[in-house]
């Protein structure tokens, strides 16, 4: 079994590739990783959880990230 060689790209190469790509990628230390898409339902759930969490900290000396 052979191991695939990692291909590192410069930030400039990444931007060129990303602008022409139909899918989005993350760039980390010279490597590109395909990002999975989120559904509308996922975004609604995540937003609601974040809102509820922030509401819990309204009267406290805490922050939610």
PDB file of N, CA and C in Angstrom:
ATOM      1  N   UNK A   1       0.840  -1.163   0.000  1.00  0.00           N
ATOM      2  CA  UNK A   1       0.000   0.000   0.000  1.00  0.00           C
ATOM      3  C   UNK A   1       0.893   1.236   0.000  1.00  0.00           C
ATOM      4  N   UNK A   2       0.557   2.199  -0.835  1.00  0.00           N
ATOM      5  CA  UNK A   2       1.342   3.429  -0.873  1.00  0.00           C
ATOM      6  C   UNK A   2       0.627   4.529  -0.105  1.00  0.00           C
ATOM      7  N   UNK A   3       1.399   5.443   0.417  1.00  0.00           N
ATOM      8  CA  UNK A   3       0.846   6.574   1.149  1.00  0.00           C
ATOM      9  C   UNK A   3       0.866   7.786   0.224  1.00  0.00           C
ATOM     10  N   UNK A   4      -0.276   8.440   0.109  1.00  0.00           N
ATOM     11  CA  UNK A   4      -0.365   9.616  -0.760  1.00  0.00           C
ATOM     12  C   UNK A   4       0.506  10.733  -0.207  1.00  0.00           C
ATOM     13  N   UNK A   5       1.226  11.366  -1.090  1.00  0.00           N
ATOM     14  CA  UNK A   5       2.087  12.469  -0.696  1.00  0.00           C
ATOM     15  C   UNK A   5       1.238  13.713  -0.463  1.00  0.00           C
ATOM     16  N   UNK A   6       1.484  14.402   0.652  1.00  0.00           N
ATOM     17  CA  UNK A   6       0.758  15.627   0.936  1.00  0.00           C
ATOM     18  C   UNK A   6       1.256  16.724   0.006  1.00  0.00           C
ATOM     19  N   UNK A   7       0.311  17.487  -0.513  1.00  0.00           N
ATOM     20  CA  UNK A   7       0.669  18.613  -1.366  1.00  0.00           C
ATOM     21  C   UNK A   7       0.374  19.888  -0.597  1.00  0.00           C
ATOM     22  N   UNK A   8       1.394  20.666  -0.354  1.00  0.00           N
ATOM     23  CA  UNK A   8       1.230  21.926   0.337  1.00  0.00           C
ATOM     24  C   UNK A   8       1.084  23.037  -0.686  1.00  0.00           C
ATOM     25  N   UNK A   9       0.200  23.987  -0.389  1.00  0.00           N
ATOM     26  CA  UNK A   9      -0.022  25.110  -1.293  1.00  0.00           C
ATOM     27  C   UNK A   9       0.220  26.409  -0.533  1.00  0.00           C
ATOM     28  N   UNK A  10       0.636  27.411  -1.251  1.00  0.00           N
ATOM     29  CA  UNK A  10       0.848  28.724  -0.657  1.00  0.00           C
ATOM     30  C   UNK A  10      -0.504  29.400  -0.449  1.00  0.00           C
ATOM     31  N   UNK A  11      -0.560  30.422   0.380  1.00  0.00           N
ATOM     32  CA  UNK A  11      -1.819  31.152   0.539  1.00  0.00           C
ATOM     33  C   UNK A  11      -2.334  31.711  -0.791  1.00  0.00           C
ATOM     34  N   UNK A  12      -1.430  32.158  -1.649  1.00  0.00           N
ATOM     35  CA  UNK A  12      -1.834  32.688  -2.950  1.00  0.00           C
ATOM     36  C   UNK A  12      -2.444  31.602  -3.831  1.00  0.00           C
ATOM     37  N   UNK A  13      -1.812  30.406  -3.822  1.00  0.00           N
ATOM     38  CA  UNK A  13      -2.362  29.278  -4.590  1.00  0.00           C
ATOM     39  C   UNK A  13      -3.737  28.890  -4.057  1.00  0.00           C
ATOM     40  N   UNK A  14      -3.862  28.859  -2.727  1.00  0.00           N
ATOM     41  CA  UNK A  14      -5.140  28.514  -2.113  1.00  0.00           C
ATOM     42  C   UNK A  14      -6.233  29.463  -2.588  1.00  0.00           C
ATOM     43  N   UNK A  15      -5.974  30.764  -2.543  1.00  0.00           N
ATOM     44  CA  UNK A  15      -6.989  31.739  -2.949  1.00  0.00           C
ATOM     45  C   UNK A  15      -7.374  31.578  -4.414  1.00  0.00           C
ATOM     46  N   UNK A  16      -6.401  31.298  -5.261  1.00  0.00           N
ATOM     47  CA  UNK A  16      -6.687  31.089  -6.680  1.00  0.00           C
ATOM     48  C   UNK A  16      -7.579  29.868  -6.879  1.00  0.00           C
ATOM     49  N   UNK A  17      -7.237  28.779  -6.213  1.00  0.00           N
ATOM     50  CA  UNK A  17      -8.023  27.547  -6.315  1.00  0.00           C
ATOM     51  C   UNK A  17      -9.420  27.756  -5.740  1.00  0.00           C
ATOM     52  N   UNK A  18      -9.486  28.408  -4.589  1.00  0.00           N
ATOM     53  CA  UNK A  18     -10.763  28.594  -3.897  1.00  0.00           C
ATOM     54  C   UNK A  18     -11.730  29.442  -4.712  1.00  0.00           C
ATOM     55  N   UNK A  19     -11.229  30.464  -5.352  1.00  0.00           N
ATOM     56  CA  UNK A  19     -12.094  31.339  -6.158  1.00  0.00           C
ATOM     57  C   UNK A  19     -12.719  30.598  -7.334  1.00  0.00           C
ATOM     58  N   UNK A  20     -12.030  29.593  -7.851  1.00  0.00           N
ATOM     59  CA  UNK A  20     -12.527  28.844  -9.004  1.00  0.00           C
ATOM     60  C   UNK A  20     -13.314  27.590  -8.606  1.00  0.00           C
ATOM     61  N   UNK A  21     -13.281  27.235  -7.324  1.00  0.00           N
ATOM     62  CA  UNK A  21     -13.896  25.990  -6.865  1.00  0.00           C
ATOM     63  C   UNK A  21     -15.395  26.153  -6.608  1.00  0.00           C
ATOM     64  N   UNK A  22     -16.143  25.071  -6.869  1.00  0.00           N
ATOM     65  CA  UNK A  22     -17.580  25.063  -6.579  1.00  0.00           C
ATOM     66  C   UNK A  22     -17.858  24.741  -5.119  1.00  0.00           C
ATOM     67  N   UNK A  23     -16.884  24.159  -4.427  1.00  0.00           N
ATOM     68  CA  UNK A  23     -17.042  23.869  -3.004  1.00  0.00           C
ATOM     69  C   UNK A  23     -16.047  24.704  -2.213  1.00  0.00           C
ATOM     70  N   UNK A  24     -16.303  24.915  -0.955  1.00  0.00           N
ATOM     71  CA  UNK A  24     -15.436  25.714  -0.096  1.00  0.00           C
ATOM     72  C   UNK A  24     -14.460  24.822   0.660  1.00  0.00           C
ATOM     73  N   UNK A  25     -13.296  25.397   0.938  1.00  0.00           N
ATOM     74  CA  UNK A  25     -12.240  24.689   1.657  1.00  0.00           C
ATOM     75  C   UNK A  25     -11.728  25.534   2.808  1.00  0.00           C
ATOM     76  N   UNK A  26     -11.134  24.862   3.785  1.00  0.00           N
ATOM     77  CA  UNK A  26     -10.377  25.531   4.826  1.00  0.00           C
ATOM     78  C   UNK A  26      -8.913  25.419   4.448  1.00  0.00           C
ATOM     79  N   UNK A  27      -8.137  26.405   4.858  1.00  0.00           N
ATOM     80  CA  UNK A  27      -6.696  26.399   4.601  1.00  0.00           C
ATOM     81  C   UNK A  27      -6.005  26.408   5.952  1.00  0.00           C
ATOM     82  N   UNK A  28      -5.165  25.407   6.195  1.00  0.00           N
ATOM     83  CA  UNK A  28      -4.471  25.308   7.474  1.00  0.00           C
ATOM     84  C   UNK A  28      -3.070  24.781   7.246  1.00  0.00           C
ATOM     85  N   UNK A  29      -2.095  25.615   7.558  1.00  0.00           N
ATOM     86  CA  UNK A  29      -0.674  25.247   7.460  1.00  0.00           C
ATOM     87  C   UNK A  29      -0.307  24.638   6.107  1.00  0.00           C
ATOM     88  N   UNK A  30      -0.791  25.269   5.061  1.00  0.00           N
ATOM     89  CA  UNK A  30      -0.429  24.832   3.721  1.00  0.00           C
ATOM     90  C   UNK A  30      -1.282  23.716   3.146  1.00  0.00           C
ATOM     91  N   UNK A  31      -2.245  23.224   3.903  1.00  0.00           N
ATOM     92  CA  UNK A  31      -3.117  22.160   3.411  1.00  0.00           C
ATOM     93  C   UNK A  31      -4.533  22.681   3.229  1.00  0.00           C
ATOM     94  N   UNK A  32      -5.238  22.094   2.279  1.00  0.00           N
ATOM     95  CA  UNK A  32      -6.630  22.443   2.019  1.00  0.00           C
ATOM     96  C   UNK A  32      -7.520  21.284   2.452  1.00  0.00           C
ATOM     97  N   UNK A  33      -8.606  21.630   3.135  1.00  0.00           N
ATOM     98  CA  UNK A  33      -9.560  20.634   3.604  1.00  0.00           C
ATOM     99  C   UNK A  33     -10.956  21.043   3.156  1.00  0.00           C
ATOM    100  N   UNK A  34     -11.660  20.131   2.517  1.00  0.00           N
ATOM    101  CA  UNK A  34     -13.016  20.425   2.073  1.00  0.00           C
ATOM    102  C   UNK A  34     -13.910  20.640   3.286  1.00  0.00           C
ATOM    103  N   UNK A  35     -14.753  21.661   3.208  1.00  0.00           N
ATOM    104  CA  UNK A  35     -15.700  21.951   4.284  1.00  0.00           C
ATOM    105  C   UNK A  35     -17.054  21.332   3.929  1.00  0.00           C
ATOM    106  N   UNK A  36     -17.672  20.745   4.920  1.00  0.00           N
ATOM    107  CA  UNK A  36     -19.003  20.205   4.668  1.00  0.00           C
ATOM    108  C   UNK A  36     -20.018  21.332   4.767  1.00  0.00           C
ATOM    109  N   UNK A  37     -21.056  21.219   4.019  1.00  0.00           N
ATOM    110  CA  UNK A  37     -22.106  22.231   4.052  1.00  0.00           C
ATOM    111  C   UNK A  37     -23.061  21.977   5.200  1.00  0.00           C
ATOM    112  N   UNK A  38     -23.667  23.032   5.697  1.00  0.00           N
ATOM    113  CA  UNK A  38     -24.645  22.901   6.771  1.00  0.00           C
ATOM    114  C   UNK A  38     -26.040  23.110   6.189  1.00  0.00           C
ATOM    115  N   UNK A  39     -26.979  22.355   6.703  1.00  0.00           N
ATOM    116  CA  UNK A  39     -28.359  22.496   6.248  1.00  0.00           C
ATOM    117  C   UNK A  39     -29.024  23.674   6.960  1.00  0.00           C
ATOM    118  N   UNK A  40     -30.153  24.116   6.452  1.00  0.00           N
ATOM    119  CA  UNK A  40     -30.898  25.190   7.093  1.00  0.00           C
ATOM    120  C   UNK A  40     -31.285  24.759   8.509  1.00  0.00           C
ATOM    121  N   UNK A  41     -31.740  23.520   8.657  1.00  0.00           N
ATOM    122  CA  UNK A  41     -32.144  23.027   9.978  1.00  0.00           C
ATOM    123  C   UNK A  41     -30.976  23.093  10.966  1.00  0.00           C
ATOM    124  N   UNK A  42     -29.793  22.708  10.536  1.00  0.00           N
ATOM    125  CA  UNK A  42     -28.605  22.771  11.394  1.00  0.00           C
ATOM    126  C   UNK A  42     -28.349  24.205  11.838  1.00  0.00           C
ATOM    127  N   UNK A  43     -28.409  25.152  10.901  1.00  0.00           N
ATOM    128  CA  UNK A  43     -28.147  26.546  11.232  1.00  0.00           C
ATOM    129  C   UNK A  43     -29.188  27.108  12.193  1.00  0.00           C
ATOM    130  N   UNK A  44     -30.453  26.733  12.024  1.00  0.00           N
ATOM    131  CA  UNK A  44     -31.510  27.188  12.930  1.00  0.00           C
ATOM    132  C   UNK A  44     -31.265  26.639  14.336  1.00  0.00           C
ATOM    133  N   UNK A  45     -30.953  25.358  14.436  1.00  0.00           N
ATOM    134  CA  UNK A  45     -30.700  24.738  15.736  1.00  0.00           C
ATOM    135  C   UNK A  45     -29.497  25.391  16.419  1.00  0.00           C
ATOM    136  N   UNK A  46     -28.410  25.562  15.696  1.00  0.00           N
ATOM    137  CA  UNK A  46     -27.206  26.171  16.266  1.00  0.00           C
ATOM    138  C   UNK A  46     -27.490  27.600  16.729  1.00  0.00           C
ATOM    139  N   UNK A  47     -28.236  28.351  15.942  1.00  0.00           N
ATOM    140  CA  UNK A  47     -28.578  29.718  16.323  1.00  0.00           C
ATOM    141  C   UNK A  47     -29.438  29.766  17.570  1.00  0.00           C
ATOM    142  N   UNK A  48     -30.414  28.868  17.651  1.00  0.00           N
ATOM    143  CA  UNK A  48     -31.285  28.815  18.829  1.00  0.00           C
ATOM    144  C   UNK A  48     -30.516  28.432  20.087  1.00  0.00           C
ATOM    145  N   UNK A  49     -29.619  27.484  19.978  1.00  0.00           N
ATOM    146  CA  UNK A  49     -28.800  27.085  21.137  1.00  0.00           C
ATOM    147  C   UNK A  49     -27.941  28.252  21.594  1.00  0.00           C
ATOM    148  N   UNK A  50     -27.312  28.942  20.660  1.00  0.00           N
ATOM    149  CA  UNK A  50     -26.482  30.090  21.010  1.00  0.00           C
ATOM    150  C   UNK A  50     -27.282  31.182  21.693  1.00  0.00           C
ATOM    151  N   UNK A  51     -28.458  31.473  21.159  1.00  0.00           N
ATOM    152  CA  UNK A  51     -29.325  32.504  21.748  1.00  0.00           C
ATOM    153  C   UNK A  51     -29.716  32.130  23.170  1.00  0.00           C
ATOM    154  N   UNK A  52     -30.141  30.890  23.371  1.00  0.00           N
ATOM    155  CA  UNK A  52     -30.543  30.438  24.711  1.00  0.00           C
ATOM    156  C   UNK A  52     -29.374  30.475  25.690  1.00  0.00           C
ATOM    157  N   UNK A  53     -28.211  30.097  25.221  1.00  0.00           N
ATOM    158  CA  UNK A  53     -27.028  30.113  26.082  1.00  0.00           C
ATOM    159  C   UNK A  53     -26.705  31.541  26.511  1.00  0.00           C
ATOM    160  N   UNK A  54     -26.732  32.474  25.565  1.00  0.00           N
ATOM    161  CA  UNK A  54     -26.463  33.869  25.903  1.00  0.00           C
ATOM    162  C   UNK A  54     -27.489  34.423  26.882  1.00  0.00           C
ATOM    163  N   UNK A  55     -28.768  34.041  26.727  1.00  0.00           N
ATOM    164  CA  UNK A  55     -29.811  34.488  27.652  1.00  0.00           C
ATOM    165  C   UNK A  55     -29.515  34.053  29.085  1.00  0.00           C
ATOM    166  N   UNK A  56     -28.933  32.876  29.256  1.00  0.00           N
ATOM    167  CA  UNK A  56     -28.625  32.366  30.588  1.00  0.00           C
ATOM    168  C   UNK A  56     -27.557  33.184  31.291  1.00  0.00           C
ATOM    169  N   UNK A  57     -26.737  33.888  30.529  1.00  0.00           N
ATOM    170  CA  UNK A  57     -25.633  34.660  31.100  1.00  0.00           C
ATOM    171  C   UNK A  57     -25.930  36.151  31.187  1.00  0.00           C
ATOM    172  N   UNK A  58     -27.165  36.557  30.899  1.00  0.00           N
ATOM    173  CA  UNK A  58     -27.503  37.981  30.907  1.00  0.00           C
ATOM    174  C   UNK A  58     -27.182  38.665  32.225  1.00  0.00           C
ATOM    175  N   UNK A  59     -27.509  38.046  33.346  1.00  0.00           N
ATOM    176  CA  UNK A  59     -27.315  38.670  34.660  1.00  0.00           C
ATOM    177  C   UNK A  59     -26.102  38.116  35.398  1.00  0.00           C
ATOM    178  N   UNK A  60     -25.160  37.560  34.678  1.00  0.00           N
ATOM    179  CA  UNK A  60     -23.980  36.959  35.302  1.00  0.00           C
ATOM    180  C   UNK A  60     -22.712  37.554  34.726  1.00  0.00           C
ATOM    181  N   UNK A  61     -21.645  37.355  35.442  1.00  0.00           N
ATOM    182  CA  UNK A  61     -20.352  37.848  34.982  1.00  0.00           C
ATOM    183  C   UNK A  61     -19.662  36.752  34.160  1.00  0.00           C
ATOM    184  N   UNK A  62     -20.361  36.289  33.127  1.00  0.00           N
ATOM    185  CA  UNK A  62     -19.866  35.207  32.265  1.00  0.00           C
ATOM    186  C   UNK A  62     -20.028  35.610  30.806  1.00  0.00           C
ATOM    187  N   UNK A  63     -19.318  34.925  29.955  1.00  0.00           N
ATOM    188  CA  UNK A  63     -19.453  35.123  28.514  1.00  0.00           C
ATOM    189  C   UNK A  63     -19.533  33.765  27.836  1.00  0.00           C
ATOM    190  N   UNK A  64     -20.314  33.704  26.772  1.00  0.00           N
ATOM    191  CA  UNK A  64     -20.427  32.479  25.988  1.00  0.00           C
ATOM    192  C   UNK A  64     -19.816  32.709  24.629  1.00  0.00           C
ATOM    193  N   UNK A  65     -19.071  31.747  24.141  1.00  0.00           N
ATOM    194  CA  UNK A  65     -18.452  31.843  22.813  1.00  0.00           C
ATOM    195  C   UNK A  65     -18.885  30.670  21.988  1.00  0.00           C
TER     196      UNK A  65
END
